[in-house]
Amino acid sequence: MPLTQEPGLRRVLITSGGGATRAALAFATRVYDLGLDVEVTGACFSSCADSIFAVVPRKIIGPKGLVAWHGNAEFGS
């Protein structure tokens, strides 16, 4: 389901173990374009941290939230 602007939508709650870098970049772009905040409610690892958490201007790490980075992605030429 695509992320759409809904009346009153101001924040996205996220928990992610990482994964598909391109999908995370697309999601991060959409969240940024919609001007949404991101709240990490659990884990935000790997592509979540690199692509989503790092990009949005307003972010919250909840009481049980954890953000962790490692390495980087290589897309090739």
N, C-alpha and C. Protein backbone atom coordinates (compact mmCIF):
# COMPACT_ATOMS: atom_id res chain seq x y z
N MET A 1 0.84 -1.18 0.00
CA MET A 1 0.00 0.00 0.00
C MET A 1 0.89 1.24 0.00
N PRO A 2 0.66 2.16 -0.93
CA PRO A 2 1.48 3.38 -0.98
C PRO A 2 1.15 4.31 0.18
N LEU A 3 2.14 5.06 0.57
CA LEU A 3 1.96 6.04 1.64
C LEU A 3 1.35 7.29 1.02
N THR A 4 0.16 7.65 1.50
CA THR A 4 -0.55 8.81 0.97
C THR A 4 -0.79 9.81 2.10
N GLN A 5 -0.97 11.05 1.71
CA GLN A 5 -1.27 12.09 2.70
C GLN A 5 -2.72 11.98 3.12
N GLU A 6 -2.92 11.74 4.38
CA GLU A 6 -4.25 11.66 4.96
C GLU A 6 -4.45 12.87 5.86
N PRO A 7 -5.66 13.39 5.95
CA PRO A 7 -5.89 14.52 6.85
C PRO A 7 -5.47 14.16 8.28
N GLY A 8 -4.69 15.01 8.89
CA GLY A 8 -4.25 14.80 10.25
C GLY A 8 -3.03 13.90 10.40
N LEU A 9 -2.56 13.29 9.31
CA LEU A 9 -1.38 12.43 9.39
C LEU A 9 -0.14 13.31 9.55
N ARG A 10 0.57 13.09 10.66
CA ARG A 10 1.74 13.90 10.94
C ARG A 10 2.99 13.07 11.22
N ARG A 11 2.78 11.80 11.58
CA ARG A 11 3.90 10.99 12.02
C ARG A 11 3.74 9.55 11.53
N VAL A 12 4.87 8.95 11.19
CA VAL A 12 4.92 7.54 10.82
C VAL A 12 5.65 6.81 11.94
N LEU A 13 5.03 5.75 12.47
CA LEU A 13 5.67 4.90 13.46
C LEU A 13 6.36 3.77 12.71
N ILE A 14 7.60 3.51 13.07
CA ILE A 14 8.37 2.54 12.29
C ILE A 14 9.15 1.58 13.19
N THR A 15 9.15 0.33 12.77
CA THR A 15 10.00 -0.71 13.33
C THR A 15 10.49 -1.52 12.14
N SER A 16 11.80 -1.63 11.98
CA SER A 16 12.35 -2.34 10.83
C SER A 16 13.71 -2.91 11.14
N GLY A 17 13.89 -4.14 10.75
CA GLY A 17 15.19 -4.79 10.88
C GLY A 17 16.10 -4.48 9.71
N GLY A 18 15.64 -3.63 8.80
CA GLY A 18 16.43 -3.30 7.62
C GLY A 18 15.89 -4.03 6.42
N GLY A 19 16.75 -4.19 5.41
CA GLY A 19 16.30 -4.92 4.23
C GLY A 19 16.58 -4.17 2.95
N ALA A 20 15.59 -4.13 2.10
CA ALA A 20 15.71 -3.61 0.74
C ALA A 20 16.06 -2.11 0.74
N THR A 21 17.27 -1.81 0.33
CA THR A 21 17.76 -0.43 0.35
C THR A 21 16.97 0.47 -0.58
N ARG A 22 16.70 0.03 -1.78
CA ARG A 22 15.95 0.87 -2.73
C ARG A 22 14.54 1.17 -2.22
N ALA A 23 13.89 0.19 -1.63
CA ALA A 23 12.55 0.41 -1.07
C ALA A 23 12.62 1.40 0.09
N ALA A 24 13.64 1.28 0.92
CA ALA A 24 13.80 2.22 2.04
C ALA A 24 14.03 3.64 1.53
N LEU A 25 14.83 3.78 0.48
CA LEU A 25 15.06 5.11 -0.10
C LEU A 25 13.77 5.70 -0.67
N ALA A 26 12.98 4.89 -1.34
CA ALA A 26 11.70 5.35 -1.89
C ALA A 26 10.76 5.77 -0.76
N PHE A 27 10.70 4.97 0.29
CA PHE A 27 9.85 5.29 1.44
C PHE A 27 10.32 6.58 2.10
N ALA A 28 11.63 6.72 2.29
CA ALA A 28 12.19 7.92 2.91
C ALA A 28 11.87 9.16 2.09
N THR A 29 11.95 9.06 0.79
CA THR A 29 11.63 10.18 -0.09
C THR A 29 10.18 10.60 0.08
N ARG A 30 9.30 9.61 0.15
CA ARG A 30 7.87 9.89 0.30
C ARG A 30 7.57 10.54 1.65
N VAL A 31 8.15 10.00 2.71
CA VAL A 31 7.96 10.57 4.05
C VAL A 31 8.46 12.00 4.09
N TYR A 32 9.62 12.24 3.49
CA TYR A 32 10.20 13.59 3.44
C TYR A 32 9.28 14.53 2.65
N ASP A 33 8.84 14.07 1.47
CA ASP A 33 7.98 14.91 0.62
C ASP A 33 6.67 15.27 1.31
N LEU A 34 6.15 14.36 2.12
CA LEU A 34 4.89 14.62 2.83
C LEU A 34 5.11 15.42 4.12
N GLY A 35 6.38 15.64 4.48
CA GLY A 35 6.69 16.43 5.67
C GLY A 35 6.32 15.73 6.97
N LEU A 36 6.43 14.40 6.98
CA LEU A 36 6.04 13.64 8.16
C LEU A 36 7.21 13.45 9.12
N ASP A 37 6.87 13.32 10.38
CA ASP A 37 7.85 12.94 11.39
C ASP A 37 7.96 11.42 11.38
N VAL A 38 9.08 10.91 11.87
CA VAL A 38 9.26 9.47 12.03
C VAL A 38 9.51 9.17 13.49
N GLU A 39 8.77 8.23 14.03
CA GLU A 39 9.01 7.77 15.39
C GLU A 39 9.40 6.30 15.35
N VAL A 40 10.58 6.00 15.88
CA VAL A 40 11.05 4.62 15.96
C VAL A 40 10.49 4.02 17.24
N THR A 41 9.65 2.99 17.08
CA THR A 41 8.98 2.38 18.23
C THR A 41 9.64 1.07 18.65
N GLY A 42 10.51 0.54 17.81
CA GLY A 42 11.23 -0.70 18.09
C GLY A 42 12.61 -0.56 17.48
N ALA A 43 13.00 -1.52 16.67
CA ALA A 43 14.29 -1.48 16.00
C ALA A 43 14.20 -0.66 14.72
N CYS A 44 15.25 0.06 14.40
CA CYS A 44 15.42 0.72 13.10
C CYS A 44 16.87 0.47 12.72
N PHE A 45 17.08 -0.64 12.02
CA PHE A 45 18.43 -1.09 11.68
C PHE A 45 18.69 -0.93 10.19
N SER A 46 19.95 -0.94 9.86
CA SER A 46 20.43 -1.05 8.48
C SER A 46 19.78 -0.02 7.57
N SER A 47 19.05 -0.46 6.54
CA SER A 47 18.49 0.48 5.57
C SER A 47 17.47 1.43 6.20
N CYS A 48 16.82 1.02 7.25
CA CYS A 48 15.91 1.92 7.96
C CYS A 48 16.69 3.11 8.53
N ALA A 49 17.78 2.80 9.21
CA ALA A 49 18.61 3.85 9.82
C ALA A 49 19.31 4.69 8.75
N ASP A 50 19.90 4.01 7.76
CA ASP A 50 20.66 4.71 6.71
C ASP A 50 19.78 5.58 5.83
N SER A 51 18.63 5.06 5.45
CA SER A 51 17.82 5.73 4.42
C SER A 51 16.66 6.52 4.97
N ILE A 52 16.00 6.03 5.98
CA ILE A 52 14.79 6.70 6.47
C ILE A 52 15.11 7.63 7.64
N PHE A 53 15.65 7.07 8.71
CA PHE A 53 15.91 7.86 9.92
C PHE A 53 16.86 9.02 9.64
N ALA A 54 17.89 8.78 8.86
CA ALA A 54 18.89 9.81 8.60
C ALA A 54 18.36 10.96 7.75
N VAL A 55 17.33 10.72 6.95
CA VAL A 55 16.87 11.71 5.97
C VAL A 55 15.81 12.65 6.52
N VAL A 56 14.93 12.15 7.34
CA VAL A 56 13.82 13.00 7.78
C VAL A 56 14.29 14.05 8.79
N PRO A 57 13.78 15.27 8.68
CA PRO A 57 14.26 16.33 9.56
C PRO A 57 13.78 16.18 11.01
N ARG A 58 12.59 15.64 11.21
CA ARG A 58 12.06 15.50 12.57
C ARG A 58 11.89 14.02 12.89
N LYS A 59 12.61 13.58 13.92
CA LYS A 59 12.57 12.17 14.29
C LYS A 59 12.52 12.01 15.80
N ILE A 60 11.92 10.92 16.21
CA ILE A 60 11.76 10.61 17.63
C ILE A 60 12.19 9.16 17.82
N ILE A 61 12.95 8.91 18.86
CA ILE A 61 13.25 7.54 19.26
C ILE A 61 12.43 7.28 20.51
N GLY A 62 11.44 6.40 20.39
CA GLY A 62 10.56 6.09 21.51
C GLY A 62 11.30 5.39 22.64
N PRO A 63 10.63 5.19 23.78
CA PRO A 63 11.26 4.58 24.94
C PRO A 63 11.85 3.20 24.68
N LYS A 64 11.26 2.46 23.75
CA LYS A 64 11.77 1.12 23.40
C LYS A 64 12.42 1.12 22.02
N GLY A 65 12.71 2.30 21.49
CA GLY A 65 13.31 2.42 20.17
C GLY A 65 14.82 2.27 20.20
N LEU A 66 15.34 1.75 19.11
CA LEU A 66 16.78 1.57 18.95
C LEU A 66 17.13 1.78 17.49
N VAL A 67 18.08 2.66 17.22
CA VAL A 67 18.54 2.92 15.85
C VAL A 67 20.00 2.48 15.76
N ALA A 68 20.32 1.69 14.74
CA ALA A 68 21.68 1.17 14.60
C ALA A 68 22.09 1.15 13.13
N TRP A 69 23.31 1.62 12.88
CA TRP A 69 23.87 1.66 11.54
C TRP A 69 24.97 0.62 11.38
N HIS A 70 25.19 0.23 10.15
CA HIS A 70 26.36 -0.59 9.83
C HIS A 70 26.64 -0.45 8.34
N GLY A 71 27.88 -0.35 7.98
CA GLY A 71 28.28 -0.33 6.58
C GLY A 71 27.48 0.65 5.73
N ASN A 72 27.42 0.32 4.44
CA ASN A 72 26.63 1.13 3.52
C ASN A 72 26.24 0.28 2.32
N ALA A 73 25.38 0.83 1.49
CA ALA A 73 24.91 0.10 0.32
C ALA A 73 25.75 0.41 -0.90
N GLU A 74 25.87 -0.54 -1.76
CA GLU A 74 26.54 -0.35 -3.05
C GLU A 74 25.54 -0.73 -4.13
N PHE A 75 25.25 0.23 -5.00
CA PHE A 75 24.30 -0.02 -6.08
C PHE A 75 25.00 -0.38 -7.38
N GLY A 76 26.29 -0.18 -7.45
CA GLY A 76 26.98 -0.41 -8.72
C GLY A 76 26.81 0.78 -9.63
N SER A 77 27.33 0.67 -10.83
CA SER A 77 27.26 1.82 -11.73
C SER A 77 26.04 1.81 -12.59
